């Protein structure tokens, strides 16, 4: 599976026109220091090649902003698998997506079921479908599938600590074959997980 994934990424890279390599593009972004507290001006520096790859890093390198931007691009579906999930901007982006008619669903690690505050409990309280995976020692996935066409993944947990204190990476792949495989894995996780009921 890993070889197939790398082959798809490599194939995307070969489709990039030589004169476009290394260029950056300006994205539809919010202004700096908006209501989320995240400086979205960094998204003007996200590199995107013509093969459809976006990257960002933390600390303070646009990781949360890129995740939010990816969720905001959704037109039909968002599927989330998250280990640690306390990021208010990411949770708000998911809620906003649901409110504009996007089908949003989230599966999380069992640690989120007992933690005092998690973004998953916030979303469940707001009516977003959330399930908890109790099957593994940890469900360590961190990925988002958007519209069955785009995948966000990487080391980055959806937390304030990952944004501000850790060295992490985010990669967004605009590749249907990759998105479909991640979507299949998400469906498997969802099927084996249990509903997180609202806490109020």
C-alpha atoms as a PDB file:
ATOM      1  CA  UNK A   1       0.000   0.000   0.000  1.00  0.00           C
ATOM      2  CA  UNK A   2       2.812   2.407   0.870  1.00  0.00           C
ATOM      3  CA  UNK A   3       4.517   1.720  -2.460  1.00  0.00           C
ATOM      4  CA  UNK A   4       1.265   2.410  -4.300  1.00  0.00           C
ATOM      5  CA  UNK A   5       0.824   5.662  -2.389  1.00  0.00           C
ATOM      6  CA  UNK A   6       4.349   6.810  -3.198  1.00  0.00           C
ATOM      7  CA  UNK A   7       3.899   5.846  -6.833  1.00  0.00           C
ATOM      8  CA  UNK A   8       0.802   8.031  -7.087  1.00  0.00           C
ATOM      9  CA  UNK A   9       2.602  10.983  -5.482  1.00  0.00           C
ATOM     10  CA  UNK A  10       5.580  10.488  -7.782  1.00  0.00           C
ATOM     11  CA  UNK A  11       3.279  10.330 -10.793  1.00  0.00           C
ATOM     12  CA  UNK A  12       1.687  13.625  -9.729  1.00  0.00           C
ATOM     13  CA  UNK A  13       5.134  15.195  -9.468  1.00  0.00           C
ATOM     14  CA  UNK A  14       6.008  14.180 -13.018  1.00  0.00           C
ATOM     15  CA  UNK A  15       2.947  16.032 -14.303  1.00  0.00           C
ATOM     16  CA  UNK A  16       4.217  19.339 -12.908  1.00  0.00           C
ATOM     17  CA  UNK A  17       5.415  21.727 -15.582  1.00  0.00           C
ATOM     18  CA  UNK A  18       9.123  22.556 -15.086  1.00  0.00           C
ATOM     19  CA  UNK A  19       8.557  26.316 -15.197  1.00  0.00           C
ATOM     20  CA  UNK A  20       6.045  26.083 -12.323  1.00  0.00           C
ATOM     21  CA  UNK A  21       8.266  24.147  -9.932  1.00  0.00           C
ATOM     22  CA  UNK A  22       8.961  25.932  -6.667  1.00  0.00           C
ATOM     23  CA  UNK A  23       6.390  28.659  -7.245  1.00  0.00           C
ATOM     24  CA  UNK A  24       3.859  29.757  -4.663  1.00  0.00           C
ATOM     25  CA  UNK A  25       0.294  30.836  -5.144  1.00  0.00           C
ATOM     26  CA  UNK A  26      -1.987  33.070  -3.106  1.00  0.00           C
ATOM     27  CA  UNK A  27      -4.983  31.294  -1.616  1.00  0.00           C
ATOM     28  CA  UNK A  28      -8.429  32.407  -0.525  1.00  0.00           C
ATOM     29  CA  UNK A  29      -7.613  33.141   3.094  1.00  0.00           C
ATOM     30  CA  UNK A  30      -8.909  35.104   6.001  1.00  0.00           C
ATOM     31  CA  UNK A  31      -6.990  38.083   7.271  1.00  0.00           C
ATOM     32  CA  UNK A  32      -4.454  37.859  10.111  1.00  0.00           C
ATOM     33  CA  UNK A  33      -5.679  37.505  13.677  1.00  0.00           C
ATOM     34  CA  UNK A  34      -9.331  36.945  12.817  1.00  0.00           C
ATOM     35  CA  UNK A  35     -11.824  35.549  15.327  1.00  0.00           C
ATOM     36  CA  UNK A  36     -10.033  32.175  15.465  1.00  0.00           C
ATOM     37  CA  UNK A  37      -6.797  33.707  16.729  1.00  0.00           C
ATOM     38  CA  UNK A  38      -4.849  32.055  13.893  1.00  0.00           C
ATOM     39  CA  UNK A  39      -2.733  34.211  11.597  1.00  0.00           C
ATOM     40  CA  UNK A  40      -4.122  33.199   8.205  1.00  0.00           C
ATOM     41  CA  UNK A  41      -1.750  35.541   6.354  1.00  0.00           C
ATOM     42  CA  UNK A  42       0.794  32.701   6.346  1.00  0.00           C
ATOM     43  CA  UNK A  43      -1.251  30.835   3.755  1.00  0.00           C
ATOM     44  CA  UNK A  44       0.123  33.098   1.044  1.00  0.00           C
ATOM     45  CA  UNK A  45       3.389  31.218   1.584  1.00  0.00           C
ATOM     46  CA  UNK A  46       2.066  27.690   1.226  1.00  0.00           C
ATOM     47  CA  UNK A  47       3.829  26.030  -1.689  1.00  0.00           C
ATOM     48  CA  UNK A  48       1.577  24.217  -4.141  1.00  0.00           C
ATOM     49  CA  UNK A  49       2.899  22.498  -7.215  1.00  0.00           C
ATOM     50  CA  UNK A  50       0.785  21.744 -10.252  1.00  0.00           C
ATOM     51  CA  UNK A  51       0.564  18.119  -9.139  1.00  0.00           C
ATOM     52  CA  UNK A  52      -1.708  19.256  -6.336  1.00  0.00           C
ATOM     53  CA  UNK A  53       0.340  19.141  -3.134  1.00  0.00           C
ATOM     54  CA  UNK A  54       0.208  21.708  -0.326  1.00  0.00           C
ATOM     55  CA  UNK A  55       2.438  21.656   2.754  1.00  0.00           C
ATOM     56  CA  UNK A  56       2.742  23.515   6.049  1.00  0.00           C
ATOM     57  CA  UNK A  57       4.627  23.096   9.294  1.00  0.00           C
ATOM     58  CA  UNK A  58       4.498  23.994  12.961  1.00  0.00           C
ATOM     59  CA  UNK A  59       5.212  25.694  15.234  1.00  0.00           C
ATOM     60  CA  UNK A  60       3.684  28.835  13.748  1.00  0.00           C
ATOM     61  CA  UNK A  61       4.176  27.739  10.157  1.00  0.00           C
ATOM     62  CA  UNK A  62       0.562  27.640   9.041  1.00  0.00           C
ATOM     63  CA  UNK A  63      -0.341  24.048   9.958  1.00  0.00           C
ATOM     64  CA  UNK A  64      -3.706  24.827  11.565  1.00  0.00           C
ATOM     65  CA  UNK A  65      -4.488  27.392   8.873  1.00  0.00           C
ATOM     66  CA  UNK A  66      -3.915  24.827   6.121  1.00  0.00           C
ATOM     67  CA  UNK A  67      -6.165  22.265   7.820  1.00  0.00           C
ATOM     68  CA  UNK A  68      -8.889  24.910   8.212  1.00  0.00           C
ATOM     69  CA  UNK A  69      -8.436  26.026   4.596  1.00  0.00           C
ATOM     70  CA  UNK A  70      -8.823  22.432   3.401  1.00  0.00           C
ATOM     71  CA  UNK A  71     -12.041  21.966   5.389  1.00  0.00           C
ATOM     72  CA  UNK A  72     -13.368  25.280   4.090  1.00  0.00           C
ATOM     73  CA  UNK A  73     -12.897  24.037   0.521  1.00  0.00           C
ATOM     74  CA  UNK A  74     -15.379  21.183   1.056  1.00  0.00           C
ATOM     75  CA  UNK A  75     -18.515  21.160  -1.077  1.00  0.00           C
ATOM     76  CA  UNK A  76     -20.121  17.803  -0.204  1.00  0.00           C
ATOM     77  CA  UNK A  77     -18.314  15.703   2.418  1.00  0.00           C
ATOM     78  CA  UNK A  78     -15.665  15.890   5.142  1.00  0.00           C
ATOM     79  CA  UNK A  79     -14.414  12.752   6.878  1.00  0.00           C
ATOM     80  CA  UNK A  80     -12.082  13.174   9.853  1.00  0.00           C
ATOM     81  CA  UNK A  81      -9.970  10.648  11.778  1.00  0.00           C
ATOM     82  CA  UNK A  82      -8.276  12.229  14.787  1.00  0.00           C
ATOM     83  CA  UNK A  83      -6.170  11.041  17.688  1.00  0.00           C
ATOM     84  CA  UNK A  84      -5.900  14.127  19.904  1.00  0.00           C
ATOM     85  CA  UNK A  85      -8.454  16.796  19.045  1.00  0.00           C
ATOM     86  CA  UNK A  86      -8.732  20.061  20.992  1.00  0.00           C
ATOM     87  CA  UNK A  87      -8.232  22.680  18.253  1.00  0.00           C
ATOM     88  CA  UNK A  88     -11.029  25.239  18.396  1.00  0.00           C
ATOM     89  CA  UNK A  89     -10.345  26.673  14.900  1.00  0.00           C
ATOM     90  CA  UNK A  90     -10.506  23.222  13.310  1.00  0.00           C
ATOM     91  CA  UNK A  91     -13.633  22.274  15.274  1.00  0.00           C
ATOM     92  CA  UNK A  92     -15.288  25.553  14.269  1.00  0.00           C
ATOM     93  CA  UNK A  93     -14.379  24.991  10.607  1.00  0.00           C
ATOM     94  CA  UNK A  94     -16.052  21.569  10.755  1.00  0.00           C
ATOM     95  CA  UNK A  95     -19.164  23.002  12.399  1.00  0.00           C
ATOM     96  CA  UNK A  96     -19.303  25.813   9.840  1.00  0.00           C
ATOM     97  CA  UNK A  97     -19.013  23.233   7.049  1.00  0.00           C
ATOM     98  CA  UNK A  98     -21.950  21.266   8.433  1.00  0.00           C
ATOM     99  CA  UNK A  99     -24.013  24.446   8.735  1.00  0.00           C
ATOM    100  CA  UNK A 100     -23.492  25.222   5.054  1.00  0.00           C
ATOM    101  CA  UNK A 101     -24.762  21.771   4.092  1.00  0.00           C
ATOM    102  CA  UNK A 102     -21.588  19.655   3.982  1.00  0.00           C
ATOM    103  CA  UNK A 103     -21.889  16.100   5.350  1.00  0.00           C
ATOM    104  CA  UNK A 104     -19.332  16.118   8.199  1.00  0.00           C
ATOM    105  CA  UNK A 105     -18.429  13.017  10.226  1.00  0.00           C
ATOM    106  CA  UNK A 106     -15.635  12.487  12.744  1.00  0.00           C
ATOM    107  CA  UNK A 107     -14.049   9.385  14.290  1.00  0.00           C
ATOM    108  CA  UNK A 108     -11.682   9.819  17.244  1.00  0.00           C
ATOM    109  CA  UNK A 109      -9.469   7.857  19.597  1.00  0.00           C
ATOM    110  CA  UNK A 110     -10.989   6.634  22.864  1.00  0.00           C
ATOM    111  CA  UNK A 111      -8.988   9.188  24.885  1.00  0.00           C
ATOM    112  CA  UNK A 112     -11.437  11.807  23.648  1.00  0.00           C
ATOM    113  CA  UNK A 113     -14.343  10.040  25.378  1.00  0.00           C
ATOM    114  CA  UNK A 114     -13.085  10.756  28.889  1.00  0.00           C
ATOM    115  CA  UNK A 115     -11.041  13.946  28.505  1.00  0.00           C
ATOM    116  CA  UNK A 116     -12.431  17.039  30.233  1.00  0.00           C
ATOM    117  CA  UNK A 117     -12.598  19.048  27.019  1.00  0.00           C
ATOM    118  CA  UNK A 118     -12.257  17.857  23.461  1.00  0.00           C
ATOM    119  CA  UNK A 119     -13.283  19.327  20.157  1.00  0.00           C
ATOM    120  CA  UNK A 120     -15.078  16.056  19.456  1.00  0.00           C
ATOM    121  CA  UNK A 121     -17.405  16.516  22.437  1.00  0.00           C
ATOM    122  CA  UNK A 122     -18.036  20.101  21.301  1.00  0.00           C
ATOM    123  CA  UNK A 123     -18.985  18.833  17.842  1.00  0.00           C
ATOM    124  CA  UNK A 124     -21.179  16.043  19.231  1.00  0.00           C
ATOM    125  CA  UNK A 125     -22.990  18.608  21.363  1.00  0.00           C
ATOM    126  CA  UNK A 126     -23.614  20.633  18.198  1.00  0.00           C
ATOM    127  CA  UNK A 127     -25.123  17.673  16.349  1.00  0.00           C
ATOM    128  CA  UNK A 128     -22.121  16.672  14.239  1.00  0.00           C
ATOM    129  CA  UNK A 129     -21.913  12.848  14.008  1.00  0.00           C
ATOM    130  CA  UNK A 130     -18.917  11.673  16.054  1.00  0.00           C
ATOM    131  CA  UNK A 131     -17.838   8.129  16.866  1.00  0.00           C
ATOM    132  CA  UNK A 132     -15.175   6.801  19.239  1.00  0.00           C
ATOM    133  CA  UNK A 133     -12.840   3.954  18.269  1.00  0.00           C
ATOM    134  CA  UNK A 134     -12.140   1.738  21.293  1.00  0.00           C
ATOM    135  CA  UNK A 135     -10.502  -1.110  19.378  1.00  0.00           C
ATOM    136  CA  UNK A 136      -6.802  -0.158  19.569  1.00  0.00           C
ATOM    137  CA  UNK A 137      -4.276   0.829  22.204  1.00  0.00           C
ATOM    138  CA  UNK A 138      -4.429   4.168  20.399  1.00  0.00           C
ATOM    139  CA  UNK A 139      -6.175   5.158  17.186  1.00  0.00           C
ATOM    140  CA  UNK A 140      -3.278   7.330  16.065  1.00  0.00           C
ATOM    141  CA  UNK A 141      -4.596   8.475  12.690  1.00  0.00           C
ATOM    142  CA  UNK A 142      -4.730  12.176  11.805  1.00  0.00           C
ATOM    143  CA  UNK A 143      -6.338  12.724   8.440  1.00  0.00           C
ATOM    144  CA  UNK A 144      -9.171  14.510   6.695  1.00  0.00           C
ATOM    145  CA  UNK A 145     -10.804  13.437   3.422  1.00  0.00           C
ATOM    146  CA  UNK A 146     -12.643  16.207   1.561  1.00  0.00           C
ATOM    147  CA  UNK A 147     -15.172  15.524  -1.209  1.00  0.00           C
ATOM    148  CA  UNK A 148     -13.543  12.160  -1.930  1.00  0.00           C
ATOM    149  CA  UNK A 149     -10.823  14.016  -3.826  1.00  0.00           C
ATOM    150  CA  UNK A 150      -8.461  15.613  -1.307  1.00  0.00           C
ATOM    151  CA  UNK A 151      -6.573  14.254   1.711  1.00  0.00           C
ATOM    152  CA  UNK A 152      -4.949  16.185   4.556  1.00  0.00           C
ATOM    153  CA  UNK A 153      -2.565  14.127   6.684  1.00  0.00           C
ATOM    154  CA  UNK A 154       0.830  14.270   8.409  1.00  0.00           C
ATOM    155  CA  UNK A 155       2.179  14.194  11.953  1.00  0.00           C
ATOM    156  CA  UNK A 156       0.062  17.167  13.033  1.00  0.00           C
ATOM    157  CA  UNK A 157      -2.470  16.495  15.801  1.00  0.00           C
ATOM    158  CA  UNK A 158      -5.456  18.830  15.818  1.00  0.00           C
ATOM    159  CA  UNK A 159      -4.386  20.659  18.987  1.00  0.00           C
ATOM    160  CA  UNK A 160      -3.167  24.068  20.089  1.00  0.00           C
ATOM    161  CA  UNK A 161       0.009  22.457  21.427  1.00  0.00           C
ATOM    162  CA  UNK A 162       0.820  20.963  18.030  1.00  0.00           C
ATOM    163  CA  UNK A 163       0.327  24.386  16.439  1.00  0.00           C
ATOM    164  CA  UNK A 164       2.337  26.409  18.961  1.00  0.00           C
ATOM    165  CA  UNK A 165       4.907  24.126  20.598  1.00  0.00           C
ATOM    166  CA  UNK A 166       5.665  21.088  18.449  1.00  0.00           C
ATOM    167  CA  UNK A 167       7.613  20.482  15.249  1.00  0.00           C
ATOM    168  CA  UNK A 168       4.924  18.965  13.027  1.00  0.00           C
ATOM    169  CA  UNK A 169       4.002  18.698   9.372  1.00  0.00           C
ATOM    170  CA  UNK A 170       0.817  18.862   7.313  1.00  0.00           C
ATOM    171  CA  UNK A 171       0.515  17.667   3.720  1.00  0.00           C
ATOM    172  CA  UNK A 172      -2.561  18.061   1.519  1.00  0.00           C
ATOM    173  CA  UNK A 173      -2.796  15.820  -1.534  1.00  0.00           C
ATOM    174  CA  UNK A 174      -5.257  16.645  -4.304  1.00  0.00           C
ATOM    175  CA  UNK A 175      -5.303  13.111  -5.710  1.00  0.00           C
ATOM    176  CA  UNK A 176      -8.513  11.141  -6.178  1.00  0.00           C
ATOM    177  CA  UNK A 177      -6.893   7.694  -5.977  1.00  0.00           C
ATOM    178  CA  UNK A 178      -5.203   8.558  -2.678  1.00  0.00           C
ATOM    179  CA  UNK A 179      -8.391  10.132  -1.322  1.00  0.00           C
ATOM    180  CA  UNK A 180     -10.422   7.062  -2.213  1.00  0.00           C
ATOM    181  CA  UNK A 181      -8.010   4.776  -0.355  1.00  0.00           C
ATOM    182  CA  UNK A 182      -8.068   7.015   2.717  1.00  0.00           C
ATOM    183  CA  UNK A 183     -11.839   7.143   2.424  1.00  0.00           C
ATOM    184  CA  UNK A 184     -12.010   3.352   2.532  1.00  0.00           C
ATOM    185  CA  UNK A 185      -9.870   3.295   5.654  1.00  0.00           C
ATOM    186  CA  UNK A 186     -12.035   5.965   7.253  1.00  0.00           C
ATOM    187  CA  UNK A 187     -15.171   3.908   6.514  1.00  0.00           C
ATOM    188  CA  UNK A 188     -13.553   0.900   8.203  1.00  0.00           C
ATOM    189  CA  UNK A 189     -12.739   2.944  11.312  1.00  0.00           C
ATOM    190  CA  UNK A 190     -16.237   4.436  11.365  1.00  0.00           C
ATOM    191  CA  UNK A 191     -17.886   1.008  11.118  1.00  0.00           C
ATOM    192  CA  UNK A 192     -16.012  -0.374  14.126  1.00  0.00           C
ATOM    193  CA  UNK A 193     -16.547   2.703  16.335  1.00  0.00           C
ATOM    194  CA  UNK A 194     -19.266   3.711  18.782  1.00  0.00           C
ATOM    195  CA  UNK A 195     -21.385   6.846  18.823  1.00  0.00           C
ATOM    196  CA  UNK A 196     -20.232   9.723  21.018  1.00  0.00           C
ATOM    197  CA  UNK A 197     -23.406  10.993  22.616  1.00  0.00           C
ATOM    198  CA  UNK A 198     -23.840  14.683  23.441  1.00  0.00           C
ATOM    199  CA  UNK A 199     -22.875  15.565  26.991  1.00  0.00           C
ATOM    200  CA  UNK A 200     -25.774  17.979  27.367  1.00  0.00           C
END
